[in-house]
Amino acid sequence: MLANREGQRVPKVTFRIRKDNQWVNVTTDDLFAGKTVVVFSLPGAFTPTCSSTHLPGYNELAKVFKENGVDDIICISVNDTFVMNEWAKDQQAENITVIPDGNGEFTEGMGMLVDKSDLGFGKRSWRYSMLVKDGVVEKMFIEPDEPGDPFKVSDAETMLRYINPNAVKPQLVSLFTKVGCPFCAKAKNMLKENGIDYEEIVLGKEVTTRSLRAVTGATTVPQVFIDGKYIGSSEALADFLGVK
């Protein structure tokens, strides 16, 4: 049974981090002292659930967490700093602080170090999340102790509901664009001016005009979707936003 450490202080650990081609020591005091921090920990960078759902969920909702009193969102994994840094780049996780617990000291101190030798992973972190205030764990969401890699309670939405069940989540906006398109630039500017984050899908090798036509029925860009609803062109976006 994995221990719940609510009401206890986080372990005192110094992490070795590579930043700007230099080694930097970062302590748990640096990360937690005087701050409200959301932490989520996972088995490994670049692994399926971690890359497809766990980290993207927190990255997407980071602005809402900060609007609700969270100073930082930290992802901890038993990986080295080079792997964690490259994973953060690959995930475009600019809203997340990735911390490499390469020796597993923090994870062991949290009672979350588990043996995944059957997968060739060695010692790794069990999947969990927690809310930490000034170095003290207020709340933990620990995945159930069952076979496999359960992902039921440590997600970003569960943590956000705990912090504020009435928190307003951002709209999910995607737009198809292509390089050099002035109407695409106009659409992006409208979204930015209205404080709306968006995902940009640039037409190229992997996403073609044929793909665009299959999804939207159109061959021109931009084409905009908001919360799964097809909005259309930059003119349609202006109408939707009430921009004149």
Protein backbone atom coordinates (compact mmCIF):
# COMPACT_ATOMS: atom_id res chain seq x y z
CA MET A 1 0.00 0.00 0.00
CA LEU A 2 1.44 3.36 -1.06
CA ALA A 3 1.55 5.84 1.83
CA ASN A 4 -0.35 9.10 1.76
CA ARG A 5 1.85 11.92 3.11
CA GLU A 6 -0.81 14.59 3.57
CA GLY A 7 0.15 16.95 6.39
CA GLN A 8 3.85 16.07 6.11
CA ARG A 9 6.74 18.06 4.66
CA VAL A 10 8.23 17.07 1.33
CA PRO A 11 11.68 15.39 1.52
CA LYS A 12 14.73 17.65 1.51
CA VAL A 13 16.57 16.90 -1.74
CA THR A 14 18.98 18.70 -4.04
CA PHE A 15 18.33 18.11 -7.73
CA ARG A 16 21.08 18.35 -10.34
CA ILE A 17 19.68 20.22 -13.34
CA ARG A 18 21.22 21.18 -16.65
CA LYS A 19 20.32 24.76 -17.59
CA ASP A 20 21.92 26.91 -20.30
CA ASN A 21 24.67 24.27 -20.68
CA GLN A 22 25.60 24.61 -17.01
CA TRP A 23 24.98 22.36 -14.00
CA VAL A 24 22.69 23.96 -11.45
CA ASN A 25 21.69 22.76 -7.98
CA VAL A 26 18.00 23.21 -7.20
CA THR A 27 16.75 22.35 -3.73
CA THR A 28 13.28 21.50 -2.52
CA ASP A 29 13.36 24.79 -0.60
CA ASP A 30 13.91 26.61 -3.91
CA LEU A 31 10.89 24.85 -5.35
CA PHE A 32 8.44 24.91 -2.44
CA ALA A 33 9.33 27.45 0.27
CA GLY A 34 6.67 30.15 0.54
CA LYS A 35 4.81 28.89 -2.53
CA THR A 36 1.68 27.01 -3.48
CA VAL A 37 2.77 24.29 -5.89
CA VAL A 38 1.04 21.53 -7.81
CA VAL A 39 3.24 18.48 -8.36
CA PHE A 40 2.55 15.54 -10.61
CA SER A 41 4.89 12.59 -10.82
CA LEU A 42 4.98 9.87 -13.41
CA PRO A 43 6.90 6.74 -14.47
CA GLY A 44 8.92 8.24 -17.29
CA ALA A 45 9.42 10.92 -19.92
CA PHE A 46 8.41 9.99 -23.48
CA THR A 47 6.22 7.11 -22.24
CA PRO A 48 2.69 6.86 -23.72
CA THR A 49 0.26 8.01 -21.01
CA CYS A 50 2.76 10.55 -19.64
CA SER A 51 3.21 12.14 -23.08
CA SER A 52 -0.31 11.87 -24.46
CA THR A 53 -2.37 12.86 -21.43
CA HIS A 54 -0.69 13.46 -18.07
CA LEU A 55 1.74 16.27 -18.87
CA PRO A 56 -0.37 17.88 -21.66
CA GLY A 57 -3.34 18.14 -19.29
CA TYR A 58 -1.39 20.18 -16.75
CA ASN A 59 0.30 22.28 -19.42
CA GLU A 60 -3.08 23.12 -20.96
CA LEU A 61 -4.67 24.13 -17.65
CA ALA A 62 -1.62 25.95 -16.23
CA LYS A 63 -3.13 29.41 -16.68
CA VAL A 64 -6.28 28.37 -14.81
CA PHE A 65 -4.23 26.90 -11.95
CA LYS A 66 -2.33 30.18 -11.63
CA GLU A 67 -5.58 32.15 -11.66
CA ASN A 68 -6.59 29.99 -8.69
CA GLY A 69 -3.54 30.66 -6.52
CA VAL A 70 -0.98 28.14 -7.79
CA ASP A 71 2.52 29.59 -8.16
CA ASP A 72 4.10 26.74 -10.10
CA ILE A 73 3.36 23.34 -11.62
CA ILE A 74 6.16 20.79 -11.28
CA CYS A 75 6.57 17.49 -13.06
CA ILE A 76 8.92 15.04 -11.32
CA SER A 77 10.18 11.80 -12.83
CA VAL A 78 13.02 9.38 -12.14
CA ASN A 79 14.87 10.43 -15.30
CA ASP A 80 18.05 12.41 -15.86
CA THR A 81 18.00 16.13 -16.62
CA PHE A 82 18.88 15.70 -20.31
CA VAL A 83 15.90 13.42 -20.91
CA MET A 84 13.53 15.69 -18.97
CA ASN A 85 14.70 18.81 -20.81
CA GLU A 86 14.31 17.20 -24.23
CA TRP A 87 10.88 15.86 -23.29
CA ALA A 88 9.74 19.32 -22.19
CA LYS A 89 10.89 20.72 -25.56
CA ASP A 90 9.15 17.94 -27.46
CA GLN A 91 5.94 18.54 -25.50
CA GLN A 92 6.19 22.34 -25.81
CA ALA A 93 5.58 22.32 -22.06
CA GLU A 94 6.47 25.95 -21.46
CA ASN A 95 4.04 26.14 -18.53
CA ILE A 96 5.59 23.25 -16.57
CA THR A 97 8.77 23.08 -14.47
CA VAL A 98 10.31 19.66 -15.15
CA ILE A 99 12.47 18.26 -12.36
CA PRO A 100 14.74 15.24 -12.85
CA ASP A 101 14.85 12.96 -9.81
CA GLY A 102 17.59 10.92 -11.44
CA ASN A 103 18.64 9.11 -8.26
CA GLY A 104 15.07 8.62 -7.09
CA GLU A 105 15.81 10.35 -3.75
CA PHE A 106 12.75 12.59 -3.71
CA THR A 107 10.49 9.80 -4.97
CA GLU A 108 11.83 7.38 -2.36
CA GLY A 109 11.34 10.01 0.35
CA MET A 110 7.73 10.38 -0.77
CA GLY A 111 7.28 6.60 -0.49
CA MET A 112 6.48 6.43 -4.20
CA LEU A 113 9.53 4.60 -5.56
CA VAL A 114 8.43 1.33 -7.16
CA ASP A 115 10.18 -1.50 -8.98
CA LYS A 116 9.41 -1.67 -12.69
CA SER A 117 12.20 -4.09 -13.53
CA ASP A 118 9.70 -6.26 -15.40
CA LEU A 119 9.57 -3.48 -18.01
CA GLY A 120 13.32 -2.88 -17.97
CA PHE A 121 12.76 0.46 -16.22
CA GLY A 122 14.37 -0.35 -12.86
CA LYS A 123 13.18 1.89 -10.01
CA ARG A 124 10.62 4.50 -11.07
CA SER A 125 7.96 6.75 -9.57
CA TRP A 126 4.40 5.59 -9.03
CA ARG A 127 1.97 7.97 -10.68
CA TYR A 128 0.53 10.58 -8.30
CA SER A 129 -0.19 14.29 -7.88
CA MET A 130 -0.17 16.58 -4.87
CA LEU A 131 -0.84 20.12 -3.74
CA VAL A 132 2.03 21.49 -1.65
CA LYS A 133 1.84 24.70 0.37
CA ASP A 134 5.10 26.10 1.79
CA GLY A 135 6.67 22.64 1.62
CA VAL A 136 3.78 20.83 3.34
CA VAL A 137 1.61 18.35 1.44
CA GLU A 138 -2.02 19.44 1.69
CA LYS A 139 -3.55 16.91 -0.68
CA MET A 140 -2.37 13.81 -2.56
CA PHE A 141 -4.04 11.91 -5.36
CA ILE A 142 -2.32 8.52 -5.60
CA GLU A 143 -3.18 6.11 -8.38
CA PRO A 144 -4.63 2.81 -7.12
CA ASP A 145 -2.14 0.06 -6.31
CA GLU A 146 -3.09 -2.29 -9.12
CA PRO A 147 -1.30 -3.94 -12.06
CA GLY A 148 -0.28 -1.87 -15.05
CA ASP A 149 -0.15 1.90 -15.15
CA PRO A 150 -3.46 3.20 -13.74
CA PHE A 151 -4.33 6.79 -14.58
CA LYS A 152 -7.55 7.64 -12.77
CA VAL A 153 -6.99 10.37 -10.16
CA SER A 154 -3.67 12.19 -10.71
CA ASP A 155 -4.84 14.11 -13.79
CA ALA A 156 -5.01 17.89 -14.03
CA GLU A 157 -8.82 18.10 -14.00
CA THR A 158 -9.08 16.17 -10.71
CA MET A 159 -6.54 18.49 -9.07
CA LEU A 160 -8.27 21.59 -10.42
CA ARG A 161 -11.64 20.39 -9.09
CA TYR A 162 -10.04 19.98 -5.65
CA ILE A 163 -8.59 23.51 -5.71
CA ASN A 164 -11.71 25.14 -7.13
CA PRO A 165 -14.64 23.07 -8.42
CA ASN A 166 -16.02 26.22 -10.07
CA ALA A 167 -12.84 27.15 -11.93
CA VAL A 168 -13.49 28.29 -15.49
CA LYS A 169 -11.48 26.23 -17.96
CA PRO A 170 -10.07 27.81 -21.13
CA GLN A 171 -11.64 27.33 -24.51
CA LEU A 172 -9.93 24.74 -26.68
CA VAL A 173 -8.95 26.49 -29.89
CA SER A 174 -7.23 24.99 -32.92
CA LEU A 175 -6.55 26.65 -36.23
CA PHE A 176 -5.17 25.39 -39.50
CA THR A 177 -2.64 27.78 -41.04
CA LYS A 178 0.17 27.88 -43.55
CA VAL A 179 3.41 29.81 -43.61
CA GLY A 180 3.16 33.33 -45.03
CA CYS A 181 -0.64 33.54 -44.91
CA PRO A 182 -1.74 37.11 -43.97
CA PHE A 183 -5.26 35.98 -43.02
CA CYS A 184 -3.75 33.40 -40.67
CA ALA A 185 -1.71 36.15 -39.03
CA LYS A 186 -4.90 38.19 -38.66
CA ALA A 187 -6.71 35.27 -36.99
CA LYS A 188 -3.83 34.66 -34.57
CA ASN A 189 -3.71 38.34 -33.66
CA MET A 190 -7.45 38.35 -32.91
CA LEU A 191 -7.07 35.36 -30.61
CA LYS A 192 -4.09 36.90 -28.82
CA GLU A 193 -5.83 40.25 -28.38
CA ASN A 194 -8.76 38.42 -26.78
CA GLY A 195 -6.44 36.48 -24.45
CA ILE A 196 -7.27 33.15 -26.06
CA ASP A 197 -4.58 30.46 -26.26
CA TYR A 198 -4.61 28.30 -29.35
CA GLU A 199 -3.02 25.31 -31.03
CA GLU A 200 -1.65 26.04 -34.50
CA ILE A 201 -1.71 23.27 -37.10
CA VAL A 202 0.56 24.28 -39.98
CA LEU A 203 -0.11 22.72 -43.37
CA GLY A 204 2.92 20.83 -44.65
CA LYS A 205 4.10 17.29 -45.09
CA GLU A 206 2.09 15.68 -42.31
CA VAL A 207 -1.02 17.87 -42.55
CA THR A 208 -1.99 18.52 -46.15
CA THR A 209 -4.66 20.53 -47.95
CA ARG A 210 -6.41 17.20 -48.48
CA SER A 211 -6.47 16.71 -44.69
CA LEU A 212 -7.88 20.22 -44.29
CA ARG A 213 -10.60 19.53 -46.86
CA ALA A 214 -11.50 16.23 -45.21
CA VAL A 215 -11.94 17.92 -41.82
CA THR A 216 -13.49 21.28 -42.81
CA GLY A 217 -14.63 20.97 -46.41
CA ALA A 218 -12.48 24.03 -47.20
CA THR A 219 -9.18 24.42 -49.03
CA THR A 220 -8.21 27.87 -47.75
CA VAL A 221 -6.66 28.89 -44.44
CA PRO A 222 -7.09 29.78 -41.68
CA GLN A 223 -9.80 27.41 -40.52
CA VAL A 224 -10.70 27.71 -36.84
CA PHE A 225 -12.29 25.35 -34.31
CA ILE A 226 -13.35 26.38 -30.79
CA ASP A 227 -14.37 23.73 -28.23
CA GLY A 228 -14.98 21.26 -31.04
CA LYS A 229 -17.20 23.67 -32.95
CA TYR A 230 -16.20 24.59 -36.50
CA ILE A 231 -15.97 28.39 -36.76
CA GLY A 232 -14.37 28.81 -40.19
CA SER A 233 -12.23 31.53 -41.73
CA SER A 234 -10.69 34.65 -40.20
CA GLU A 235 -13.85 36.57 -41.15
CA ALA A 236 -15.99 33.98 -39.37
CA LEU A 237 -13.70 34.20 -36.34
CA ALA A 238 -14.09 37.98 -36.28
CA ASP A 239 -17.87 37.57 -36.30
CA PHE A 240 -17.67 34.94 -33.53
CA LEU A 241 -15.51 37.22 -31.36
CA GLY A 242 -17.48 40.34 -32.19
CA VAL A 243 -14.42 42.00 -33.71
CA LYS A 244 -15.07 44.82 -36.19
